[in-house]
């Protein structure tokens, strides 16, 4: 079984991609979880799995400054960047960032922390990891055995709708996901994955929402990140296009589609996201371990 750290993040962390991720925050991404967090004691602990550039993690810390918020990611570069930004983006909070492999929790957690989190959370991380059921199972083992919460929000890329249409870009994305062993239908399978991880159905609260890219800044951030990736011949997208035999003309079409998306006043992108909140109890942990 491949570790989470061995999973290749096919988008990467280019400056334009980071700008896109920085549009993600508690308001835009965690409305499904926010009431649950607000109901907890203010000193709750939360592990943010696959935190990336940390925009959600930082915003969680600002919303809950007395809570212990730990963001973990496999990228040493992004963790170093996040640590350097704590005093600017979340001063006076209890947020911290650690590098590690989720499937080897001892690589970034102390023995007392393992199985001690009030909340273990991920946002669009499972969809970036092949054969991700062990990741969800590990998230369950990191939460408190009684009263702990595992929360997930994942996109379903096959539900994506773009206007103006960009079928060529969608086709390349699908091929890259499949080549990397990723599931473009992760969102619609989220309940199934939770059941396979050992949760009972009555412990799973499910919901759904739409990730939207509508305003001009949102369009520039999304399509600009793709233009940045397509301009880099060493990016995963460009290397994949080369492997698939794409010509320069075909790559130009991909670029033109993204530029048209930025320029079009009627453009938008919609993506269905599914969400689950799973609540642990002693009996469930004993049955699933």
C-alpha atoms as a PDB file:
ATOM      1  CA  UNK A   1       0.000   0.000   0.000  1.00  0.00           C
ATOM      2  CA  UNK A   2       1.418   3.343  -0.996  1.00  0.00           C
ATOM      3  CA  UNK A   3       1.779   5.917   1.735  1.00  0.00           C
ATOM      4  CA  UNK A   4       0.023   9.230   1.576  1.00  0.00           C
ATOM      5  CA  UNK A   5       3.427  10.896   1.279  1.00  0.00           C
ATOM      6  CA  UNK A   6       4.140   8.934  -1.901  1.00  0.00           C
ATOM      7  CA  UNK A   7       1.081  10.355  -3.638  1.00  0.00           C
ATOM      8  CA  UNK A   8       2.076  12.867  -6.314  1.00  0.00           C
ATOM      9  CA  UNK A   9       0.151  16.120  -6.134  1.00  0.00           C
ATOM     10  CA  UNK A  10      -0.439  16.692  -9.832  1.00  0.00           C
ATOM     11  CA  UNK A  11      -1.329  20.390  -9.616  1.00  0.00           C
ATOM     12  CA  UNK A  12       1.639  21.501  -7.515  1.00  0.00           C
ATOM     13  CA  UNK A  13       2.103  24.736  -5.592  1.00  0.00           C
ATOM     14  CA  UNK A  14       2.948  27.343  -8.192  1.00  0.00           C
ATOM     15  CA  UNK A  15       2.282  30.992  -7.231  1.00  0.00           C
ATOM     16  CA  UNK A  16      -0.911  31.180  -9.279  1.00  0.00           C
ATOM     17  CA  UNK A  17      -2.148  27.913  -7.754  1.00  0.00           C
ATOM     18  CA  UNK A  18      -1.510  29.264  -4.269  1.00  0.00           C
ATOM     19  CA  UNK A  19      -3.562  32.351  -5.179  1.00  0.00           C
ATOM     20  CA  UNK A  20      -6.402  30.026  -6.172  1.00  0.00           C
ATOM     21  CA  UNK A  21      -6.179  28.056  -2.925  1.00  0.00           C
ATOM     22  CA  UNK A  22      -6.140  31.254  -0.902  1.00  0.00           C
ATOM     23  CA  UNK A  23      -9.749  31.855  -1.988  1.00  0.00           C
ATOM     24  CA  UNK A  24     -10.641  28.837   0.156  1.00  0.00           C
ATOM     25  CA  UNK A  25     -11.568  29.681   3.719  1.00  0.00           C
ATOM     26  CA  UNK A  26     -14.077  28.837   6.434  1.00  0.00           C
ATOM     27  CA  UNK A  27     -16.823  30.853   4.765  1.00  0.00           C
ATOM     28  CA  UNK A  28     -16.421  29.346   1.297  1.00  0.00           C
ATOM     29  CA  UNK A  29     -15.529  25.771   2.229  1.00  0.00           C
ATOM     30  CA  UNK A  30     -16.614  24.865   5.774  1.00  0.00           C
ATOM     31  CA  UNK A  31     -20.198  26.043   6.124  1.00  0.00           C
ATOM     32  CA  UNK A  32     -21.231  22.403   6.623  1.00  0.00           C
ATOM     33  CA  UNK A  33     -18.833  22.014   9.588  1.00  0.00           C
ATOM     34  CA  UNK A  34     -18.943  25.475  11.150  1.00  0.00           C
ATOM     35  CA  UNK A  35     -22.009  24.899  13.412  1.00  0.00           C
ATOM     36  CA  UNK A  36     -20.395  21.740  14.793  1.00  0.00           C
ATOM     37  CA  UNK A  37     -17.150  23.563  15.559  1.00  0.00           C
ATOM     38  CA  UNK A  38     -19.035  26.414  17.204  1.00  0.00           C
ATOM     39  CA  UNK A  39     -20.763  23.909  19.501  1.00  0.00           C
ATOM     40  CA  UNK A  40     -17.445  22.582  20.850  1.00  0.00           C
ATOM     41  CA  UNK A  41     -15.552  23.994  23.844  1.00  0.00           C
ATOM     42  CA  UNK A  42     -13.386  26.909  22.607  1.00  0.00           C
ATOM     43  CA  UNK A  43     -10.190  24.977  23.392  1.00  0.00           C
ATOM     44  CA  UNK A  44     -10.960  22.072  21.048  1.00  0.00           C
ATOM     45  CA  UNK A  45      -8.197  20.452  18.989  1.00  0.00           C
ATOM     46  CA  UNK A  46      -8.329  20.006  15.221  1.00  0.00           C
ATOM     47  CA  UNK A  47      -6.011  18.283  12.751  1.00  0.00           C
ATOM     48  CA  UNK A  48      -6.242  19.661   9.203  1.00  0.00           C
ATOM     49  CA  UNK A  49      -5.096  16.866   6.879  1.00  0.00           C
ATOM     50  CA  UNK A  50      -3.459  17.878   3.602  1.00  0.00           C
ATOM     51  CA  UNK A  51      -3.565  21.544   4.581  1.00  0.00           C
ATOM     52  CA  UNK A  52      -1.615  22.763   1.528  1.00  0.00           C
ATOM     53  CA  UNK A  53      -0.994  26.539   1.604  1.00  0.00           C
ATOM     54  CA  UNK A  54      -3.048  26.698   4.789  1.00  0.00           C
ATOM     55  CA  UNK A  55      -5.751  29.212   3.867  1.00  0.00           C
ATOM     56  CA  UNK A  56      -8.452  27.133   5.571  1.00  0.00           C
ATOM     57  CA  UNK A  57      -6.146  26.285   8.483  1.00  0.00           C
ATOM     58  CA  UNK A  58      -5.252  29.921   9.113  1.00  0.00           C
ATOM     59  CA  UNK A  59      -8.888  30.969   8.876  1.00  0.00           C
ATOM     60  CA  UNK A  60      -9.917  28.265  11.343  1.00  0.00           C
ATOM     61  CA  UNK A  61      -7.316  29.632  13.762  1.00  0.00           C
ATOM     62  CA  UNK A  62      -8.669  33.170  13.338  1.00  0.00           C
ATOM     63  CA  UNK A  63     -12.225  31.975  13.969  1.00  0.00           C
ATOM     64  CA  UNK A  64     -11.218  29.870  16.980  1.00  0.00           C
ATOM     65  CA  UNK A  65      -8.095  31.487  18.474  1.00  0.00           C
ATOM     66  CA  UNK A  66      -8.181  29.381  21.646  1.00  0.00           C
ATOM     67  CA  UNK A  67      -8.364  26.091  19.747  1.00  0.00           C
ATOM     68  CA  UNK A  68      -5.296  23.993  18.950  1.00  0.00           C
ATOM     69  CA  UNK A  69      -5.187  23.860  15.144  1.00  0.00           C
ATOM     70  CA  UNK A  70      -2.524  21.682  13.489  1.00  0.00           C
ATOM     71  CA  UNK A  71      -2.096  21.622   9.717  1.00  0.00           C
ATOM     72  CA  UNK A  72      -0.194  18.695   8.239  1.00  0.00           C
ATOM     73  CA  UNK A  73       1.033  18.274   4.676  1.00  0.00           C
ATOM     74  CA  UNK A  74       3.582  16.102   2.901  1.00  0.00           C
ATOM     75  CA  UNK A  75       5.279  19.092   1.253  1.00  0.00           C
ATOM     76  CA  UNK A  76       8.215  20.486   3.231  1.00  0.00           C
ATOM     77  CA  UNK A  77       8.192  23.612   1.054  1.00  0.00           C
ATOM     78  CA  UNK A  78       4.576  24.506   1.742  1.00  0.00           C
ATOM     79  CA  UNK A  79       4.882  23.767   5.475  1.00  0.00           C
ATOM     80  CA  UNK A  80       7.923  26.024   5.726  1.00  0.00           C
ATOM     81  CA  UNK A  81       6.002  28.782   3.938  1.00  0.00           C
ATOM     82  CA  UNK A  82       3.029  28.372   6.260  1.00  0.00           C
ATOM     83  CA  UNK A  83       5.174  28.508   9.388  1.00  0.00           C
ATOM     84  CA  UNK A  84       6.747  31.746   8.220  1.00  0.00           C
ATOM     85  CA  UNK A  85       3.275  33.265   7.768  1.00  0.00           C
ATOM     86  CA  UNK A  86       1.772  32.452  11.159  1.00  0.00           C
ATOM     87  CA  UNK A  87       2.632  35.775  12.807  1.00  0.00           C
ATOM     88  CA  UNK A  88       1.172  37.685   9.863  1.00  0.00           C
ATOM     89  CA  UNK A  89      -1.919  35.615   9.059  1.00  0.00           C
ATOM     90  CA  UNK A  90      -2.937  34.261  12.471  1.00  0.00           C
ATOM     91  CA  UNK A  91      -1.146  36.149  15.262  1.00  0.00           C
ATOM     92  CA  UNK A  92      -2.094  35.286  18.818  1.00  0.00           C
ATOM     93  CA  UNK A  93      -3.611  31.928  17.849  1.00  0.00           C
ATOM     94  CA  UNK A  94      -2.588  28.364  18.585  1.00  0.00           C
ATOM     95  CA  UNK A  95      -2.058  27.253  14.991  1.00  0.00           C
ATOM     96  CA  UNK A  96       0.992  25.286  13.898  1.00  0.00           C
ATOM     97  CA  UNK A  97       2.110  23.370  10.824  1.00  0.00           C
ATOM     98  CA  UNK A  98       3.897  20.046  10.575  1.00  0.00           C
ATOM     99  CA  UNK A  99       5.273  17.971   7.731  1.00  0.00           C
ATOM    100  CA  UNK A 100       4.442  14.303   7.757  1.00  0.00           C
ATOM    101  CA  UNK A 101       2.825  11.226   6.270  1.00  0.00           C
ATOM    102  CA  UNK A 102      -0.707  10.687   7.564  1.00  0.00           C
ATOM    103  CA  UNK A 103      -0.304   6.915   7.346  1.00  0.00           C
ATOM    104  CA  UNK A 104       2.715   7.207   9.632  1.00  0.00           C
ATOM    105  CA  UNK A 105       1.279   9.515  12.308  1.00  0.00           C
ATOM    106  CA  UNK A 106       4.317   9.009  14.497  1.00  0.00           C
ATOM    107  CA  UNK A 107       6.231  11.045  11.905  1.00  0.00           C
ATOM    108  CA  UNK A 108       4.468  14.245  12.984  1.00  0.00           C
ATOM    109  CA  UNK A 109       2.450  13.535  16.151  1.00  0.00           C
ATOM    110  CA  UNK A 110       3.415  12.652  19.714  1.00  0.00           C
ATOM    111  CA  UNK A 111       1.996   9.446  21.254  1.00  0.00           C
ATOM    112  CA  UNK A 112      -0.383  11.551  23.367  1.00  0.00           C
ATOM    113  CA  UNK A 113      -1.730  13.341  20.294  1.00  0.00           C
ATOM    114  CA  UNK A 114      -2.564  10.165  18.369  1.00  0.00           C
ATOM    115  CA  UNK A 115      -6.198   9.373  19.057  1.00  0.00           C
ATOM    116  CA  UNK A 116      -6.638  12.636  20.925  1.00  0.00           C
ATOM    117  CA  UNK A 117      -8.123  15.112  18.436  1.00  0.00           C
ATOM    118  CA  UNK A 118     -11.617  16.477  18.820  1.00  0.00           C
ATOM    119  CA  UNK A 119     -11.807  16.969  15.045  1.00  0.00           C
ATOM    120  CA  UNK A 120      -9.823  15.472  12.146  1.00  0.00           C
ATOM    121  CA  UNK A 121     -10.619  17.314   8.935  1.00  0.00           C
ATOM    122  CA  UNK A 122      -9.728  17.220   5.258  1.00  0.00           C
ATOM    123  CA  UNK A 123     -10.779  19.392   2.343  1.00  0.00           C
ATOM    124  CA  UNK A 124     -10.343  17.978  -1.191  1.00  0.00           C
ATOM    125  CA  UNK A 125      -7.420  15.838  -0.019  1.00  0.00           C
ATOM    126  CA  UNK A 126      -8.855  12.355  -0.538  1.00  0.00           C
ATOM    127  CA  UNK A 127      -9.425  13.064  -4.225  1.00  0.00           C
ATOM    128  CA  UNK A 128      -5.680  13.689  -4.617  1.00  0.00           C
ATOM    129  CA  UNK A 129      -4.637  10.322  -3.111  1.00  0.00           C
ATOM    130  CA  UNK A 130      -4.907   6.969  -4.940  1.00  0.00           C
ATOM    131  CA  UNK A 131      -6.681   4.160  -3.047  1.00  0.00           C
ATOM    132  CA  UNK A 132      -7.590   6.613  -0.309  1.00  0.00           C
ATOM    133  CA  UNK A 133      -9.709   4.378   1.968  1.00  0.00           C
ATOM    134  CA  UNK A 134      -6.705   3.813   4.328  1.00  0.00           C
ATOM    135  CA  UNK A 135      -6.399   7.591   4.718  1.00  0.00           C
ATOM    136  CA  UNK A 136      -9.976   7.925   5.952  1.00  0.00           C
ATOM    137  CA  UNK A 137      -9.455   4.938   8.247  1.00  0.00           C
ATOM    138  CA  UNK A 138      -6.349   6.590   9.684  1.00  0.00           C
ATOM    139  CA  UNK A 139      -8.210   9.852  10.203  1.00  0.00           C
ATOM    140  CA  UNK A 140     -10.692   7.899  12.318  1.00  0.00           C
ATOM    141  CA  UNK A 141      -7.883   6.467  14.467  1.00  0.00           C
ATOM    142  CA  UNK A 142      -6.479   9.950  15.132  1.00  0.00           C
ATOM    143  CA  UNK A 143      -9.771  11.271  16.537  1.00  0.00           C
ATOM    144  CA  UNK A 144     -10.870  10.775  20.144  1.00  0.00           C
ATOM    145  CA  UNK A 145     -12.541   7.374  20.539  1.00  0.00           C
ATOM    146  CA  UNK A 146     -15.578   8.918  22.220  1.00  0.00           C
ATOM    147  CA  UNK A 147     -16.994  12.115  20.802  1.00  0.00           C
ATOM    148  CA  UNK A 148     -14.293  12.613  18.176  1.00  0.00           C
ATOM    149  CA  UNK A 149     -15.310  13.927  14.770  1.00  0.00           C
ATOM    150  CA  UNK A 150     -13.991  13.114  11.294  1.00  0.00           C
ATOM    151  CA  UNK A 151     -15.056  15.631   8.655  1.00  0.00           C
ATOM    152  CA  UNK A 152     -14.489  15.497   4.906  1.00  0.00           C
ATOM    153  CA  UNK A 153     -15.392  17.667   1.939  1.00  0.00           C
ATOM    154  CA  UNK A 154     -14.410  16.438  -1.500  1.00  0.00           C
ATOM    155  CA  UNK A 155     -15.116  17.495  -5.037  1.00  0.00           C
ATOM    156  CA  UNK A 156     -16.514  15.285  -7.733  1.00  0.00           C
ATOM    157  CA  UNK A 157     -14.696  16.400 -10.854  1.00  0.00           C
ATOM    158  CA  UNK A 158     -17.038  14.524 -13.179  1.00  0.00           C
ATOM    159  CA  UNK A 159     -19.768  16.874 -11.976  1.00  0.00           C
ATOM    160  CA  UNK A 160     -17.819  19.943 -13.117  1.00  0.00           C
ATOM    161  CA  UNK A 161     -19.617  22.398 -15.387  1.00  0.00           C
ATOM    162  CA  UNK A 162     -17.771  25.177 -17.227  1.00  0.00           C
ATOM    163  CA  UNK A 163     -19.117  27.918 -19.406  1.00  0.00           C
ATOM    164  CA  UNK A 164     -17.850  28.644 -21.992  1.00  0.00           C
ATOM    165  CA  UNK A 165     -17.292  24.898 -22.444  1.00  0.00           C
ATOM    166  CA  UNK A 166     -13.693  23.642 -22.237  1.00  0.00           C
ATOM    167  CA  UNK A 167     -14.039  19.966 -23.219  1.00  0.00           C
ATOM    168  CA  UNK A 168     -10.388  19.597 -24.195  1.00  0.00           C
ATOM    169  CA  UNK A 169      -9.215  20.679 -20.736  1.00  0.00           C
ATOM    170  CA  UNK A 170     -11.714  18.375 -19.037  1.00  0.00           C
ATOM    171  CA  UNK A 171     -10.541  15.434 -21.142  1.00  0.00           C
ATOM    172  CA  UNK A 172      -6.877  15.996 -20.213  1.00  0.00           C
ATOM    173  CA  UNK A 173      -7.762  16.357 -16.532  1.00  0.00           C
ATOM    174  CA  UNK A 174      -9.668  13.071 -16.607  1.00  0.00           C
ATOM    175  CA  UNK A 175      -6.737  11.259 -18.251  1.00  0.00           C
ATOM    176  CA  UNK A 176      -4.267  12.650 -15.715  1.00  0.00           C
ATOM    177  CA  UNK A 177      -6.457  11.604 -12.788  1.00  0.00           C
ATOM    178  CA  UNK A 178      -6.869   8.102 -14.146  1.00  0.00           C
ATOM    179  CA  UNK A 179      -3.159   7.740 -14.975  1.00  0.00           C
ATOM    180  CA  UNK A 180      -2.296   8.745 -11.406  1.00  0.00           C
ATOM    181  CA  UNK A 181      -4.803   6.276  -9.976  1.00  0.00           C
ATOM    182  CA  UNK A 182      -7.129   9.037  -8.743  1.00  0.00           C
ATOM    183  CA  UNK A 183     -10.913   8.850  -8.686  1.00  0.00           C
ATOM    184  CA  UNK A 184     -12.778  11.664 -10.368  1.00  0.00           C
ATOM    185  CA  UNK A 185     -15.948  10.381  -8.673  1.00  0.00           C
ATOM    186  CA  UNK A 186     -14.545  10.590  -5.141  1.00  0.00           C
ATOM    187  CA  UNK A 187     -17.277  12.982  -4.032  1.00  0.00           C
ATOM    188  CA  UNK A 188     -20.218  10.726  -4.833  1.00  0.00           C
ATOM    189  CA  UNK A 189     -18.446   7.803  -3.134  1.00  0.00           C
ATOM    190  CA  UNK A 190     -17.684   9.612   0.128  1.00  0.00           C
ATOM    191  CA  UNK A 191     -20.365   7.836   2.186  1.00  0.00           C
ATOM    192  CA  UNK A 192     -19.264   4.474   0.822  1.00  0.00           C
ATOM    193  CA  UNK A 193     -15.662   5.217   1.740  1.00  0.00           C
ATOM    194  CA  UNK A 194     -16.685   6.196   5.274  1.00  0.00           C
ATOM    195  CA  UNK A 195     -18.581   2.924   5.652  1.00  0.00           C
ATOM    196  CA  UNK A 196     -15.554   0.981   4.424  1.00  0.00           C
ATOM    197  CA  UNK A 197     -13.421   2.871   6.948  1.00  0.00           C
ATOM    198  CA  UNK A 198     -15.577   1.424   9.730  1.00  0.00           C
ATOM    199  CA  UNK A 199     -18.183   4.090  10.442  1.00  0.00           C
ATOM    200  CA  UNK A 200     -21.791   3.069  10.926  1.00  0.00           C
ATOM    201  CA  UNK A 201     -24.305   4.773   8.664  1.00  0.00           C
ATOM    202  CA  UNK A 202     -26.108   6.326  11.619  1.00  0.00           C
ATOM    203  CA  UNK A 203     -22.860   8.072  12.596  1.00  0.00           C
ATOM    204  CA  UNK A 204     -22.501   9.762   9.213  1.00  0.00           C
ATOM    205  CA  UNK A 205     -24.211  13.071   8.496  1.00  0.00           C
ATOM    206  CA  UNK A 206     -24.019  13.829   4.774  1.00  0.00           C
ATOM    207  CA  UNK A 207     -24.608  17.019   2.823  1.00  0.00           C
ATOM    208  CA  UNK A 208     -23.566  18.655  -0.430  1.00  0.00           C
ATOM    209  CA  UNK A 209     -22.740  22.104  -1.746  1.00  0.00           C
ATOM    210  CA  UNK A 210     -21.346  23.747  -4.849  1.00  0.00           C
ATOM    211  CA  UNK A 211     -17.823  25.083  -5.254  1.00  0.00           C
ATOM    212  CA  UNK A 212     -18.262  28.011  -7.613  1.00  0.00           C
ATOM    213  CA  UNK A 213     -15.930  30.139  -9.712  1.00  0.00           C
ATOM    214  CA  UNK A 214     -18.009  33.081 -10.867  1.00  0.00           C
ATOM    215  CA  UNK A 215     -16.518  36.487 -10.070  1.00  0.00           C
ATOM    216  CA  UNK A 216     -13.729  37.997 -12.152  1.00  0.00           C
ATOM    217  CA  UNK A 217     -11.107  37.471  -9.379  1.00  0.00           C
ATOM    218  CA  UNK A 218     -12.226  33.845  -8.989  1.00  0.00           C
ATOM    219  CA  UNK A 219     -12.054  33.256 -12.744  1.00  0.00           C
ATOM    220  CA  UNK A 220      -8.582  34.800 -12.941  1.00  0.00           C
ATOM    221  CA  UNK A 221      -7.366  32.709 -10.014  1.00  0.00           C
ATOM    222  CA  UNK A 222      -8.703  29.423 -11.413  1.00  0.00           C
ATOM    223  CA  UNK A 223      -7.817  29.852 -15.083  1.00  0.00           C
ATOM    224  CA  UNK A 224      -4.620  31.759 -14.257  1.00  0.00           C
ATOM    225  CA  UNK A 225      -3.353  28.799 -12.254  1.00  0.00           C
ATOM    226  CA  UNK A 226      -4.069  26.514 -15.203  1.00  0.00           C
ATOM    227  CA  UNK A 227      -2.319  28.885 -17.618  1.00  0.00           C
ATOM    228  CA  UNK A 228       0.692  28.913 -15.287  1.00  0.00           C
ATOM    229  CA  UNK A 229       0.792  25.116 -15.250  1.00  0.00           C
ATOM    230  CA  UNK A 230       0.351  24.841 -19.020  1.00  0.00           C
ATOM    231  CA  UNK A 231       3.196  27.309 -19.602  1.00  0.00           C
ATOM    232  CA  UNK A 232       5.634  25.142 -17.611  1.00  0.00           C
ATOM    233  CA  UNK A 233       6.951  22.264 -19.687  1.00  0.00           C
ATOM    234  CA  UNK A 234       8.052  20.509 -16.499  1.00  0.00           C
ATOM    235  CA  UNK A 235       4.636  20.638 -14.867  1.00  0.00           C
ATOM    236  CA  UNK A 236       2.706  17.420 -14.388  1.00  0.00           C
ATOM    237  CA  UNK A 237       0.067  18.625 -16.858  1.00  0.00           C
ATOM    238  CA  UNK A 238       2.588  19.356 -19.612  1.00  0.00           C
ATOM    239  CA  UNK A 239       4.509  16.125 -19.027  1.00  0.00           C
ATOM    240  CA  UNK A 240       1.251  14.199 -19.123  1.00  0.00           C
ATOM    241  CA  UNK A 241       0.202  15.955 -22.344  1.00  0.00           C
ATOM    242  CA  UNK A 242       3.528  14.944 -23.883  1.00  0.00           C
ATOM    243  CA  UNK A 243       3.040  11.324 -22.787  1.00  0.00           C
ATOM    244  CA  UNK A 244      -0.428  11.322 -24.311  1.00  0.00           C
ATOM    245  CA  UNK A 245       0.966  12.649 -27.610  1.00  0.00           C
ATOM    246  CA  UNK A 246      -0.523  16.152 -27.490  1.00  0.00           C
ATOM    247  CA  UNK A 247       0.759  18.451 -30.203  1.00  0.00           C
ATOM    248  CA  UNK A 248       1.738  22.090 -29.634  1.00  0.00           C
ATOM    249  CA  UNK A 249      -1.494  23.051 -31.354  1.00  0.00           C
ATOM    250  CA  UNK A 250      -3.534  20.989 -28.893  1.00  0.00           C
ATOM    251  CA  UNK A 251      -1.745  22.597 -25.933  1.00  0.00           C
ATOM    252  CA  UNK A 252      -2.494  25.990 -27.483  1.00  0.00           C
ATOM    253  CA  UNK A 253      -6.203  25.079 -27.504  1.00  0.00           C
ATOM    254  CA  UNK A 254      -5.992  24.323 -23.766  1.00  0.00           C
ATOM    255  CA  UNK A 255      -4.445  27.737 -23.169  1.00  0.00           C
ATOM    256  CA  UNK A 256      -6.983  29.526 -25.368  1.00  0.00           C
ATOM    257  CA  UNK A 257      -9.836  27.883 -23.491  1.00  0.00           C
ATOM    258  CA  UNK A 258      -8.516  29.158 -20.164  1.00  0.00           C
ATOM    259  CA  UNK A 259      -7.920  32.663 -21.496  1.00  0.00           C
ATOM    260  CA  UNK A 260     -11.445  32.727 -22.914  1.00  0.00           C
ATOM    261  CA  UNK A 261     -12.743  31.653 -19.514  1.00  0.00           C
ATOM    262  CA  UNK A 262     -10.967  34.599 -17.876  1.00  0.00           C
ATOM    263  CA  UNK A 263     -12.197  37.108 -20.458  1.00  0.00           C
ATOM    264  CA  UNK A 264     -15.827  35.999 -20.781  1.00  0.00           C
ATOM    265  CA  UNK A 265     -18.204  38.063 -18.647  1.00  0.00           C
ATOM    266  CA  UNK A 266     -20.714  35.196 -18.654  1.00  0.00           C
ATOM    267  CA  UNK A 267     -18.193  32.539 -17.577  1.00  0.00           C
ATOM    268  CA  UNK A 268     -18.565  30.356 -14.537  1.00  0.00           C
ATOM    269  CA  UNK A 269     -17.401  27.038 -13.135  1.00  0.00           C
ATOM    270  CA  UNK A 270     -19.506  24.860 -10.854  1.00  0.00           C
ATOM    271  CA  UNK A 271     -18.361  21.745  -9.028  1.00  0.00           C
ATOM    272  CA  UNK A 272     -20.482  19.585  -6.734  1.00  0.00           C
ATOM    273  CA  UNK A 273     -18.806  18.885  -3.387  1.00  0.00           C
ATOM    274  CA  UNK A 274     -20.028  16.221  -0.983  1.00  0.00           C
ATOM    275  CA  UNK A 275     -19.522  16.545   2.764  1.00  0.00           C
ATOM    276  CA  UNK A 276     -19.629  14.130   5.680  1.00  0.00           C
ATOM    277  CA  UNK A 277     -19.399  14.566   9.447  1.00  0.00           C
ATOM    278  CA  UNK A 278     -18.678  11.270  11.219  1.00  0.00           C
ATOM    279  CA  UNK A 279     -19.017  11.060  15.011  1.00  0.00           C
ATOM    280  CA  UNK A 280     -17.078   8.440  16.941  1.00  0.00           C
ATOM    281  CA  UNK A 281     -18.111   6.540  20.042  1.00  0.00           C
ATOM    282  CA  UNK A 282     -16.430   3.760  22.026  1.00  0.00           C
ATOM    283  CA  UNK A 283     -18.488   1.021  20.472  1.00  0.00           C
ATOM    284  CA  UNK A 284     -17.706   2.175  16.937  1.00  0.00           C
ATOM    285  CA  UNK A 285     -13.965   2.372  17.612  1.00  0.00           C
ATOM    286  CA  UNK A 286     -13.956  -1.145  19.091  1.00  0.00           C
ATOM    287  CA  UNK A 287     -15.906  -2.506  16.121  1.00  0.00           C
ATOM    288  CA  UNK A 288     -13.772  -0.785  13.505  1.00  0.00           C
ATOM    289  CA  UNK A 289     -10.299  -1.363  14.976  1.00  0.00           C
END
